[in-house]
Amino acid sequence: NGQEFSVISNICTHLGCRVRWIAEDSQFHCPCHNGVFAKDGTVVAGPPPRPLDHFESKVEDGVLYIKRG
């Protein structure tokens, strides 16, 4: 159907706080220690030691399925 998704965790890899999407910056921000992540989950700034976790996903019959750890 031409749709592709990238499923990214909203848990900061620094200390486990929840990141939020800031549309005007097109980035994910962690409010706890100023971690910043790019749209693809890579670290842009702050103390996070690694990118946001990605999950496997697939679309079947119009339903998005996500495989979690």
Protein backbone atom coordinates (compact mmCIF):
# COMPACT_ATOMS: atom_id res chain seq x y z
CA ASN A 1 0.00 0.00 0.00
CA GLY A 2 3.05 2.26 -0.14
CA GLN A 3 3.09 3.19 3.54
CA GLU A 4 6.28 2.82 5.54
CA PHE A 5 6.65 3.49 9.24
CA SER A 6 9.55 3.89 11.61
CA VAL A 7 8.54 3.06 15.17
CA ILE A 8 10.70 4.78 17.78
CA SER A 9 10.51 4.54 21.57
CA ASN A 10 9.59 7.66 23.51
CA ILE A 11 11.89 6.66 26.39
CA CYS A 12 15.11 8.68 26.67
CA THR A 13 18.22 6.51 26.67
CA HIS A 14 19.80 8.66 29.39
CA LEU A 15 17.66 8.01 32.49
CA GLY A 16 14.36 6.75 31.09
CA CYS A 17 12.32 9.96 31.01
CA ARG A 18 9.68 10.33 28.30
CA VAL A 19 10.65 12.43 25.31
CA ARG A 20 8.13 14.53 23.43
CA TRP A 21 7.95 15.66 19.81
CA ILE A 22 8.45 19.41 19.34
CA ALA A 23 7.00 20.14 15.90
CA GLU A 24 8.52 23.61 15.49
CA ASP A 25 12.01 22.11 16.00
CA SER A 26 11.25 18.82 14.21
CA GLN A 27 12.99 17.06 17.10
CA PHE A 28 12.25 14.98 20.18
CA HIS A 29 13.14 16.70 23.46
CA CYS A 30 13.67 15.18 26.89
CA PRO A 31 12.51 17.60 29.59
CA CYS A 32 14.62 16.01 32.36
CA HIS A 33 18.21 16.72 31.27
CA ASN A 34 17.83 18.52 27.92
CA GLY A 35 18.44 15.51 25.70
CA VAL A 36 17.56 16.20 22.06
CA PHE A 37 16.95 13.60 19.36
CA ALA A 38 16.52 13.97 15.59
CA LYS A 39 13.44 12.72 13.75
CA ASP A 40 15.18 9.36 13.20
CA GLY A 41 16.02 9.03 16.90
CA THR A 42 19.73 9.86 16.70
CA VAL A 43 21.21 12.00 19.49
CA VAL A 44 21.53 15.69 18.62
CA ALA A 45 22.47 17.13 22.03
CA GLY A 46 22.64 16.45 25.73
CA PRO A 47 23.66 13.45 27.82
CA PRO A 48 21.87 10.51 26.10
CA PRO A 49 24.49 7.80 25.43
CA ARG A 50 22.75 6.34 22.37
CA PRO A 51 19.84 6.88 19.96
CA LEU A 52 16.22 6.16 20.83
CA ASP A 53 15.28 2.49 20.49
CA HIS A 54 13.58 1.35 17.29
CA PHE A 55 10.95 -1.38 17.10
CA GLU A 56 10.19 -3.79 14.27
CA SER A 57 6.86 -3.10 12.63
CA LYS A 58 4.69 -4.25 9.76
CA VAL A 59 1.40 -3.30 8.18
CA GLU A 60 -1.13 -6.04 7.43
CA ASP A 61 -4.62 -5.32 6.14
CA GLY A 62 -4.29 -1.66 7.09
CA VAL A 63 -3.24 -2.37 10.70
CA LEU A 64 0.16 -1.34 12.08
CA TYR A 65 1.74 -4.06 14.23
CA ILE A 66 4.70 -3.31 16.49
CA LYS A 67 7.05 -5.95 17.88
CA ARG A 68 8.32 -4.92 21.30
CA GLY A 69 11.39 -6.42 23.02
